[in-house]
């Protein structure tokens, strides 16, 4: 859509295209997250053992179910690019919006870097299996990020249609491995003896510590909100796509834990780089190995692809609203994509992908996500208080309010403790970074923000104002 009321001498203001449906939202949410079943989650097993890994899986699943319900209600009502950033802008205020925008960009950019690292590691592993050792991973990491950035540059419909196909293949690969093992295809039987002989090797503190990486099963499902301005029917597509996505991930996460814990000793599983692919190798079935290699590749590509989409939308929205230089708020005249934001974030992702270890990158992404989830608890309470149910039309109303908000806040607080146990330095560094960024925004950038242009929703005056 083109705004014809432009000032003389200024370029026409282009907007993003509304071309997506519920399946694309599902593909965006699950595509970003499904890589968490293929790598990263298993570090939770290393922290506390098999039972700790399962508890972390389900507790994190409860946390993200609350996230999905809250996001579905607010974003189906605040249907604007930027997701949680747009929510904060309308409901809380500019400083919170700026921080939430940074949370989103950092979480997705770090996740994108982790995906690129995994692709390089997987290719190196497969090359080693064929007798070709010493593969240089860096060119493949760069090629992956550059290709997906180009795909995002060319258009959102093609980007998320690509995600839909490869995400479906990666999800079916998990199901195929689960069923194959259940019906005796594996040459190695499932063995859960460690559950009875040594169920909690590090006690309850191990279970708490494991929650840190349990979040990796689902991290990024909230990214469905970033497409709010590009769906044909936000009130229908966003809730359906998001809730279907979290149900898909809960099933995939449980099956992943079951197969990997049954085939791989927990001591090795807790440090494996590609646990599902390793589980397929243990079966001795070449067909399963090929399938899970493809599934791992597709899941990492889908995740990195979705991360570029989401991070660029958040950055674009902040530029459009002058929270960042307005140069970032440009839309491509042909492809209708936030092309400058896409290009700008590519080198940032590559710096971390080429220069940081996987567990550190994963931790940075998780911490940024946790800060965003903590914001959602206060945001939801303020949203219901300012605009009660009968004052504005909502696309979805999540049940049992405020119980999901309370549960989410408690689980977030628990997760902070879990992260601090193993990565306290990173936690302090990330919080310090956001404090410094907030000071920069308050003293240097806030004067460029046009407060009158921030509130774009046709809502009545808030209750009490």
Protein backbone atom coordinates (compact mmCIF):
# COMPACT_ATOMS: atom_id res chain seq x y z
CA UNK A 1 0.00 0.00 0.00
CA UNK A 2 1.32 3.45 -0.91
CA UNK A 3 0.66 6.59 1.07
CA UNK A 4 -0.08 9.24 -1.55
CA UNK A 5 -0.12 12.08 1.02
CA UNK A 6 3.61 12.68 0.98
CA UNK A 7 5.40 15.93 1.41
CA UNK A 8 6.83 17.67 -1.65
CA UNK A 9 10.33 16.49 -2.42
CA UNK A 10 10.09 13.46 -0.11
CA UNK A 11 9.88 9.86 -1.34
CA UNK A 12 6.56 8.07 -1.06
CA UNK A 13 6.14 6.17 2.18
CA UNK A 14 5.92 2.47 1.36
CA UNK A 15 4.44 -0.10 3.68
CA UNK A 16 4.93 -3.83 4.15
CA UNK A 17 2.67 -6.14 2.16
CA UNK A 18 -0.15 -8.14 3.83
CA UNK A 19 0.37 -11.51 2.16
CA UNK A 20 0.71 -14.08 4.99
CA UNK A 21 -1.74 -16.59 6.45
CA UNK A 22 -1.85 -18.88 9.54
CA UNK A 23 0.42 -21.49 7.93
CA UNK A 24 3.13 -18.87 7.39
CA UNK A 25 2.83 -17.79 11.04
CA UNK A 26 3.21 -21.42 12.10
CA UNK A 27 6.24 -21.76 9.82
CA UNK A 28 7.80 -18.59 11.24
CA UNK A 29 7.32 -19.59 14.89
CA UNK A 30 8.16 -23.29 14.60
CA UNK A 31 10.86 -22.65 12.00
CA UNK A 32 12.78 -20.39 14.36
CA UNK A 33 12.44 -22.77 17.30
CA UNK A 34 12.63 -26.30 15.89
CA UNK A 35 16.41 -26.09 15.75
CA UNK A 36 16.23 -26.19 19.55
CA UNK A 37 15.21 -29.85 19.21
CA UNK A 38 18.23 -30.53 17.00
CA UNK A 39 20.84 -28.80 19.16
CA UNK A 40 21.33 -26.89 22.38
CA UNK A 41 18.61 -28.43 24.57
CA UNK A 42 20.90 -31.34 25.47
CA UNK A 43 23.16 -29.06 27.51
CA UNK A 44 20.33 -29.26 30.07
CA UNK A 45 21.04 -33.00 30.40
CA UNK A 46 24.71 -32.20 31.01
CA UNK A 47 23.71 -29.81 33.80
CA UNK A 48 21.53 -32.25 35.74
CA UNK A 49 21.08 -35.64 34.08
CA UNK A 50 18.24 -37.27 32.12
CA UNK A 51 15.41 -36.54 34.55
CA UNK A 52 16.56 -32.94 34.89
CA UNK A 53 16.48 -32.62 31.11
CA UNK A 54 12.89 -33.89 30.98
CA UNK A 55 11.74 -31.61 33.81
CA UNK A 56 13.42 -28.66 32.10
CA UNK A 57 11.61 -29.59 28.88
CA UNK A 58 8.17 -29.52 30.49
CA UNK A 59 8.74 -26.55 32.79
CA UNK A 60 10.07 -24.51 29.86
CA UNK A 61 7.07 -25.73 27.86
CA UNK A 62 4.75 -24.30 30.51
CA UNK A 63 6.65 -20.99 30.43
CA UNK A 64 6.33 -20.71 26.66
CA UNK A 65 2.68 -21.76 26.67
CA UNK A 66 2.06 -18.71 28.86
CA UNK A 67 4.14 -16.62 26.46
CA UNK A 68 2.15 -17.88 23.47
CA UNK A 69 -1.22 -17.19 25.13
CA UNK A 70 -0.29 -13.68 26.23
CA UNK A 71 1.30 -12.80 22.91
CA UNK A 72 -1.70 -14.12 20.98
CA UNK A 73 -4.04 -11.77 22.78
CA UNK A 74 -1.95 -8.61 22.70
CA UNK A 75 -0.49 -8.97 19.22
CA UNK A 76 -3.80 -9.87 17.57
CA UNK A 77 -4.95 -6.52 18.95
CA UNK A 78 -1.76 -4.48 18.38
CA UNK A 79 -1.20 -5.68 14.81
CA UNK A 80 1.99 -3.80 13.92
CA UNK A 81 5.50 -4.79 12.86
CA UNK A 82 7.88 -5.06 15.77
CA UNK A 83 5.76 -7.42 17.86
CA UNK A 84 6.50 -6.90 21.53
CA UNK A 85 8.23 -3.61 20.69
CA UNK A 86 4.96 -2.28 19.25
CA UNK A 87 3.13 -3.55 22.33
CA UNK A 88 5.51 -1.71 24.68
CA UNK A 89 5.22 1.47 22.63
CA UNK A 90 1.43 1.52 22.92
CA UNK A 91 0.99 0.18 26.44
CA UNK A 92 4.03 1.17 28.55
CA UNK A 93 6.13 3.94 27.00
CA UNK A 94 9.16 4.87 24.86
CA UNK A 95 12.00 3.75 27.17
CA UNK A 96 10.50 0.32 27.67
CA UNK A 97 9.78 0.06 23.95
CA UNK A 98 13.40 0.85 23.12
CA UNK A 99 14.67 -1.84 25.48
CA UNK A 100 12.18 -4.44 24.26
CA UNK A 101 13.23 -3.72 20.69
CA UNK A 102 16.86 -4.37 21.66
CA UNK A 103 15.85 -7.57 23.50
CA UNK A 104 14.25 -8.84 20.30
CA UNK A 105 17.10 -7.89 17.99
CA UNK A 106 19.76 -9.39 20.27
CA UNK A 107 17.80 -12.61 20.90
CA UNK A 108 17.19 -13.28 17.21
CA UNK A 109 20.61 -12.18 16.00
CA UNK A 110 22.36 -14.41 18.55
CA UNK A 111 20.07 -17.30 17.63
CA UNK A 112 20.90 -16.73 13.97
CA UNK A 113 24.61 -16.89 14.83
CA UNK A 114 24.08 -20.14 16.79
CA UNK A 115 22.36 -21.67 13.78
CA UNK A 116 25.22 -20.72 11.48
CA UNK A 117 27.73 -22.25 13.92
CA UNK A 118 25.69 -25.47 13.99
CA UNK A 119 25.64 -25.73 10.20
CA UNK A 120 29.42 -25.41 10.08
CA UNK A 121 29.84 -27.98 12.87
CA UNK A 122 27.45 -30.45 11.19
CA UNK A 123 29.20 -30.23 7.84
CA UNK A 124 32.54 -30.73 9.57
CA UNK A 125 31.16 -33.81 11.36
CA UNK A 126 29.80 -35.37 8.18
CA UNK A 127 33.05 -34.63 6.32
CA UNK A 128 34.95 -36.34 9.15
CA UNK A 129 32.72 -39.42 8.81
CA UNK A 130 33.76 -39.60 5.15
CA UNK A 131 37.44 -39.32 6.02
CA UNK A 132 37.83 -35.64 5.15
CA UNK A 133 39.15 -34.01 8.30
CA UNK A 134 39.98 -30.39 8.91
CA UNK A 135 37.04 -28.86 7.03
CA UNK A 136 37.06 -25.06 7.18
CA UNK A 137 33.68 -24.14 8.68
CA UNK A 138 33.91 -20.36 8.25
CA UNK A 139 33.07 -20.20 4.50
CA UNK A 140 29.92 -22.27 5.05
CA UNK A 141 28.86 -20.05 7.96
CA UNK A 142 29.25 -16.92 5.84
CA UNK A 143 27.52 -18.49 2.84
CA UNK A 144 24.54 -19.57 4.97
CA UNK A 145 23.98 -16.12 6.48
CA UNK A 146 24.46 -14.31 3.17
CA UNK A 147 22.07 -16.59 1.27
CA UNK A 148 19.30 -16.25 3.84
CA UNK A 149 19.78 -12.48 4.05
CA UNK A 150 19.40 -12.34 0.25
CA UNK A 151 16.21 -14.44 0.48
CA UNK A 152 14.75 -12.09 3.10
CA UNK A 153 15.78 -9.10 1.00
CA UNK A 154 13.76 -10.41 -1.95
CA UNK A 155 10.40 -10.75 -0.17
CA UNK A 156 8.58 -12.06 2.89
CA UNK A 157 6.18 -14.40 1.06
CA UNK A 158 8.98 -16.37 -0.59
CA UNK A 159 10.98 -16.32 2.64
CA UNK A 160 8.24 -17.81 4.82
CA UNK A 161 6.99 -20.19 2.13
CA UNK A 162 10.53 -21.57 2.04
CA UNK A 163 10.39 -21.81 5.84
CA UNK A 164 7.07 -23.64 5.70
CA UNK A 165 8.47 -26.38 3.46
CA UNK A 166 11.79 -26.99 5.21
CA UNK A 167 10.26 -26.74 8.71
CA UNK A 168 7.67 -29.38 7.82
CA UNK A 169 10.44 -31.69 6.56
CA UNK A 170 12.51 -31.16 9.73
CA UNK A 171 9.49 -31.87 11.97
CA UNK A 172 8.61 -35.04 10.03
CA UNK A 173 12.22 -36.20 10.42
CA UNK A 174 11.81 -36.15 14.23
CA UNK A 175 8.58 -38.13 13.97
CA UNK A 176 10.21 -40.63 11.58
CA UNK A 177 13.13 -41.20 13.98
CA UNK A 178 10.76 -41.65 16.91
CA UNK A 179 8.57 -44.18 15.06
CA UNK A 180 11.56 -46.03 13.60
CA UNK A 181 13.11 -46.52 17.02
CA UNK A 182 9.75 -47.61 18.46
CA UNK A 183 9.30 -50.27 15.76
CA UNK A 184 12.77 -51.76 16.11
CA UNK A 185 14.64 -50.23 13.19
CA UNK A 186 17.53 -49.25 15.47
CA UNK A 187 20.30 -51.81 15.98
CA UNK A 188 20.70 -50.42 19.51
CA UNK A 189 17.67 -50.76 21.84
CA UNK A 190 16.40 -47.91 23.96
CA UNK A 191 18.05 -47.91 27.38
CA UNK A 192 16.68 -45.82 30.24
CA UNK A 193 18.54 -47.61 33.01
CA UNK A 194 20.23 -44.34 34.04
CA UNK A 195 16.81 -43.08 35.11
CA UNK A 196 16.65 -45.70 37.85
CA UNK A 197 20.35 -46.07 38.69
CA UNK A 198 21.36 -42.39 38.72
CA UNK A 199 18.26 -40.23 38.13
CA UNK A 200 19.63 -36.96 39.55
CA UNK A 201 23.45 -37.05 39.56
CA UNK A 202 23.69 -33.43 40.76
CA UNK A 203 20.58 -33.36 42.94
CA UNK A 204 17.95 -30.65 42.88
CA UNK A 205 20.50 -27.96 42.07
CA UNK A 206 21.14 -29.82 38.81
CA UNK A 207 17.46 -29.64 37.94
CA UNK A 208 17.44 -25.91 38.59
CA UNK A 209 20.58 -25.40 36.49
CA UNK A 210 19.14 -27.44 33.62
CA UNK A 211 16.25 -25.01 33.17
CA UNK A 212 18.70 -22.60 31.53
CA UNK A 213 19.04 -24.75 28.42
CA UNK A 214 15.53 -26.17 28.65
CA UNK A 215 14.40 -22.80 27.30
CA UNK A 216 16.23 -23.59 24.07
CA UNK A 217 13.49 -26.10 23.14
CA UNK A 218 11.08 -23.20 22.55
CA UNK A 219 13.09 -19.97 22.35
CA UNK A 220 11.74 -17.80 19.54
CA UNK A 221 8.08 -18.87 19.35
CA UNK A 222 7.23 -15.29 20.31
CA UNK A 223 8.71 -14.29 16.94
CA UNK A 224 5.33 -14.89 15.30
CA UNK A 225 4.40 -11.40 16.51
CA UNK A 226 6.95 -9.81 14.18
CA UNK A 227 4.76 -10.63 11.17
CA UNK A 228 1.69 -8.85 12.57
CA UNK A 229 1.82 -6.13 9.92
CA UNK A 230 2.21 -8.61 7.06
CA UNK A 231 -0.67 -11.05 7.70
CA UNK A 232 -3.97 -10.79 5.88
CA UNK A 233 -6.06 -11.28 9.04
CA UNK A 234 -4.13 -10.63 12.29
CA UNK A 235 -7.08 -11.51 14.53
CA UNK A 236 -7.24 -14.99 12.98
CA UNK A 237 -3.74 -15.81 11.74
CA UNK A 238 -1.67 -14.77 14.76
CA UNK A 239 -3.52 -16.76 17.47
CA UNK A 240 -3.98 -19.83 15.26
CA UNK A 241 -0.39 -19.86 14.03
CA UNK A 242 1.14 -19.19 17.45
CA UNK A 243 -0.93 -21.70 19.44
CA UNK A 244 -0.51 -24.40 16.79
CA UNK A 245 3.21 -23.68 16.90
CA UNK A 246 3.61 -24.16 20.65
CA UNK A 247 1.63 -27.43 20.51
CA UNK A 248 3.89 -28.67 17.70
CA UNK A 249 6.98 -27.82 19.71
CA UNK A 250 5.75 -29.50 22.89
CA UNK A 251 5.26 -32.75 20.96
CA UNK A 252 8.60 -32.48 19.17
CA UNK A 253 10.49 -31.63 22.39
CA UNK A 254 9.14 -34.63 24.29
CA UNK A 255 9.87 -37.04 21.43
CA UNK A 256 13.38 -35.62 21.08
CA UNK A 257 14.20 -36.12 24.75
CA UNK A 258 12.78 -39.66 24.66
CA UNK A 259 14.76 -40.84 21.63
CA UNK A 260 18.06 -39.14 22.47
CA UNK A 261 18.02 -40.12 26.16
CA UNK A 262 17.21 -43.71 25.26
CA UNK A 263 19.96 -44.09 22.66
CA UNK A 264 22.81 -41.92 23.94
CA UNK A 265 24.46 -42.06 27.42
CA UNK A 266 23.62 -38.88 29.27
CA UNK A 267 27.28 -38.06 29.90
CA UNK A 268 27.90 -37.77 26.13
CA UNK A 269 24.45 -36.38 25.32
CA UNK A 270 25.08 -33.44 27.65
CA UNK A 271 27.89 -32.15 25.44
CA UNK A 272 26.87 -33.31 21.95
CA UNK A 273 26.76 -30.68 19.19
CA UNK A 274 23.99 -32.32 17.13
CA UNK A 275 22.14 -34.77 19.43
CA UNK A 276 19.37 -35.89 17.06
CA UNK A 277 21.83 -36.58 14.27
CA UNK A 278 24.03 -38.46 16.75
CA UNK A 279 21.00 -40.52 17.82
CA UNK A 280 20.40 -41.45 14.17
CA UNK A 281 24.04 -42.50 13.87
CA UNK A 282 23.67 -44.74 16.92
CA UNK A 283 20.79 -46.61 15.26
CA UNK A 284 23.15 -47.80 12.54
CA UNK A 285 20.47 -47.16 9.90
CA UNK A 286 21.92 -45.21 6.96
CA UNK A 287 18.51 -43.98 5.83
CA UNK A 288 17.83 -42.45 9.25
CA UNK A 289 21.27 -40.84 9.28
CA UNK A 290 20.63 -39.18 5.93
CA UNK A 291 17.13 -38.09 7.00
CA UNK A 292 18.32 -36.57 10.28
CA UNK A 293 21.23 -34.87 8.52
CA UNK A 294 18.68 -33.24 6.22
CA UNK A 295 16.42 -32.45 9.18
CA UNK A 296 19.27 -30.81 11.10
CA UNK A 297 20.30 -28.75 8.08
CA UNK A 298 16.71 -27.70 7.34
CA UNK A 299 15.92 -26.82 10.95
CA UNK A 300 19.00 -24.61 11.27
CA UNK A 301 18.30 -22.93 7.94
CA UNK A 302 14.65 -22.34 8.88
CA UNK A 303 15.64 -20.91 12.25
CA UNK A 304 18.29 -18.58 10.84
CA UNK A 305 15.87 -17.53 8.10
CA UNK A 306 13.15 -16.66 10.60
CA UNK A 307 15.63 -14.87 12.86
CA UNK A 308 16.71 -12.58 10.03
CA UNK A 309 13.05 -11.85 9.32
CA UNK A 310 12.21 -11.06 12.95
CA UNK A 311 15.34 -9.12 13.91
CA UNK A 312 15.06 -6.92 10.82
CA UNK A 313 11.36 -6.16 11.53
CA UNK A 314 12.14 -5.06 15.07
CA UNK A 315 15.10 -2.92 13.91
CA UNK A 316 13.02 -1.50 11.05
CA UNK A 317 10.17 -0.56 13.39
CA UNK A 318 12.53 1.25 15.75
CA UNK A 319 14.00 3.18 12.82
CA UNK A 320 10.58 4.08 11.45
CA UNK A 321 9.59 5.48 14.85
CA UNK A 322 12.93 7.38 15.17
CA UNK A 323 14.11 5.35 18.15
CA UNK A 324 17.04 4.65 15.84
CA UNK A 325 18.13 6.69 12.81
CA UNK A 326 15.17 6.90 10.43
CA UNK A 327 17.43 5.55 7.66
CA UNK A 328 16.66 2.04 8.99
CA UNK A 329 12.92 2.58 8.50
CA UNK A 330 13.11 2.36 4.70
CA UNK A 331 11.05 -0.16 2.69
CA UNK A 332 12.37 -1.52 -0.60
CA UNK A 333 10.40 0.03 -3.49
CA UNK A 334 10.05 -3.29 -5.33
CA UNK A 335 10.23 -6.10 -2.77
CA UNK A 336 8.54 -4.18 0.08
CA UNK A 337 11.01 -5.47 2.66
CA UNK A 338 12.99 -3.58 5.35
CA UNK A 339 16.10 -4.07 3.27
CA UNK A 340 18.43 -1.67 5.10
CA UNK A 341 17.75 -3.33 8.44
CA UNK A 342 18.35 -6.76 6.89
CA UNK A 343 21.71 -5.70 5.46
CA UNK A 344 22.83 -3.87 8.61
CA UNK A 345 22.34 -6.88 10.92
CA UNK A 346 24.25 -9.35 8.71
CA UNK A 347 27.79 -8.39 9.86
CA UNK A 348 26.69 -8.38 13.51
CA UNK A 349 25.48 -11.97 13.21
CA UNK A 350 28.68 -12.98 11.41
CA UNK A 351 30.92 -11.46 14.10
CA UNK A 352 29.35 -13.68 16.76
CA UNK A 353 29.06 -16.73 14.50
CA UNK A 354 32.73 -16.59 13.59
CA UNK A 355 34.18 -15.47 16.91
CA UNK A 356 32.15 -16.87 19.83
CA UNK A 357 31.61 -20.43 21.18
CA UNK A 358 28.17 -21.98 20.74
CA UNK A 359 27.16 -22.16 24.42
CA UNK A 360 28.02 -18.46 24.92
CA UNK A 361 25.97 -17.42 21.88
CA UNK A 362 23.06 -19.58 23.05
CA UNK A 363 23.25 -17.98 26.51
CA UNK A 364 23.20 -14.43 25.11
CA UNK A 365 20.10 -15.29 23.08
CA UNK A 366 18.36 -16.91 26.06
CA UNK A 367 19.09 -13.96 28.35
CA UNK A 368 17.70 -11.44 25.88
CA UNK A 369 14.62 -13.60 25.47
CA UNK A 370 14.16 -13.88 29.24
CA UNK A 371 14.25 -10.11 29.63
CA UNK A 372 11.56 -9.86 26.98
CA UNK A 373 9.35 -12.45 28.71
CA UNK A 374 9.68 -10.61 32.00
CA UNK A 375 8.44 -7.45 30.29
CA UNK A 376 5.41 -9.35 28.98
CA UNK A 377 4.14 -10.04 32.49
CA UNK A 378 3.88 -6.34 33.38
CA UNK A 379 2.70 -5.47 29.89
CA UNK A 380 -0.23 -7.91 30.10
CA UNK A 381 -1.41 -6.56 33.45
CA UNK A 382 -1.25 -2.96 32.19
CA UNK A 383 -3.04 -3.90 28.95
CA UNK A 384 -6.02 -5.44 30.76
CA UNK A 385 -6.19 -2.55 33.26
CA UNK A 386 -6.01 0.23 30.67
CA UNK A 387 -8.33 -1.43 28.16
CA UNK A 388 -10.67 -3.94 29.81
CA UNK A 389 -12.25 -6.68 27.70
CA UNK A 390 -15.38 -4.75 26.80
CA UNK A 391 -13.59 -1.56 25.66
CA UNK A 392 -11.70 -2.74 22.54
CA UNK A 393 -12.04 -5.62 20.11
CA UNK A 394 -9.52 -8.43 20.58
CA UNK A 395 -8.71 -11.15 18.08
CA UNK A 396 -8.11 -13.63 20.92
CA UNK A 397 -8.69 -13.56 24.69
CA UNK A 398 -6.40 -15.84 26.65
CA UNK A 399 -8.12 -17.71 29.52
CA UNK A 400 -7.57 -17.65 33.28
CA UNK A 401 -6.01 -14.19 33.48
CA UNK A 402 -3.94 -13.32 35.53
CA UNK A 403 -2.78 -16.91 36.24
CA UNK A 404 -0.62 -17.27 33.07
CA UNK A 405 1.01 -13.93 33.86
CA UNK A 406 1.83 -14.97 37.43
CA UNK A 407 3.17 -18.36 36.32
CA UNK A 408 5.30 -16.69 33.64
CA UNK A 409 6.82 -14.24 36.13
CA UNK A 410 7.67 -17.02 38.62
CA UNK A 411 9.26 -19.18 35.93
CA UNK A 412 11.25 -16.25 34.55
CA UNK A 413 12.63 -15.51 38.02
CA UNK A 414 13.59 -19.19 38.39
CA UNK A 415 15.28 -19.16 34.99
CA UNK A 416 17.39 -16.12 35.97
CA UNK A 417 18.70 -18.09 38.96
CA UNK A 418 19.44 -21.06 36.68
CA UNK A 419 21.40 -18.88 34.24
CA UNK A 420 23.31 -17.19 37.06
CA UNK A 421 24.50 -20.55 38.39
CA UNK A 422 26.44 -21.28 35.21
CA UNK A 423 26.79 -17.98 33.38
CA UNK A 424 26.67 -15.26 36.01
CA UNK A 425 29.25 -13.13 34.23
CA UNK A 426 27.24 -13.11 31.00
CA UNK A 427 24.07 -12.24 32.91
CA UNK A 428 25.72 -9.23 34.55
CA UNK A 429 27.31 -8.17 31.24
CA UNK A 430 23.98 -8.31 29.37
CA UNK A 431 22.11 -6.35 32.04
CA UNK A 432 24.90 -3.75 32.06
CA UNK A 433 24.70 -3.47 28.27
CA UNK A 434 20.96 -2.75 28.40
CA UNK A 435 21.41 -0.19 31.19
CA UNK A 436 24.04 1.66 29.14
CA UNK A 437 21.82 1.48 26.05
CA UNK A 438 18.89 2.90 28.07
CA UNK A 439 21.02 5.83 29.23
CA UNK A 440 22.08 6.50 25.64
CA UNK A 441 18.46 6.49 24.50
CA UNK A 442 17.31 8.78 27.31
CA UNK A 443 20.04 11.39 26.97
CA UNK A 444 20.89 11.23 23.25
CA UNK A 445 18.12 9.68 21.16
CA UNK A 446 14.82 10.43 22.87
CA UNK A 447 14.69 14.01 21.57
CA UNK A 448 14.24 12.68 18.01
CA UNK A 449 11.17 10.61 18.92
CA UNK A 450 7.82 12.10 17.91
CA UNK A 451 5.53 11.15 20.77
CA UNK A 452 2.41 12.15 18.86
CA UNK A 453 3.15 9.59 16.14
CA UNK A 454 3.66 6.65 18.49
CA UNK A 455 0.08 5.78 19.30
CA UNK A 456 -1.36 4.44 16.03
CA UNK A 457 -4.14 2.14 17.28
CA UNK A 458 -7.77 3.39 17.09
CA UNK A 459 -8.45 2.76 20.78
CA UNK A 460 -10.39 4.85 23.30
CA UNK A 461 -8.62 6.74 26.07
CA UNK A 462 -7.16 4.28 28.62
CA UNK A 463 -9.03 3.65 31.85
CA UNK A 464 -7.90 6.09 34.52
CA UNK A 465 -6.33 8.61 32.10
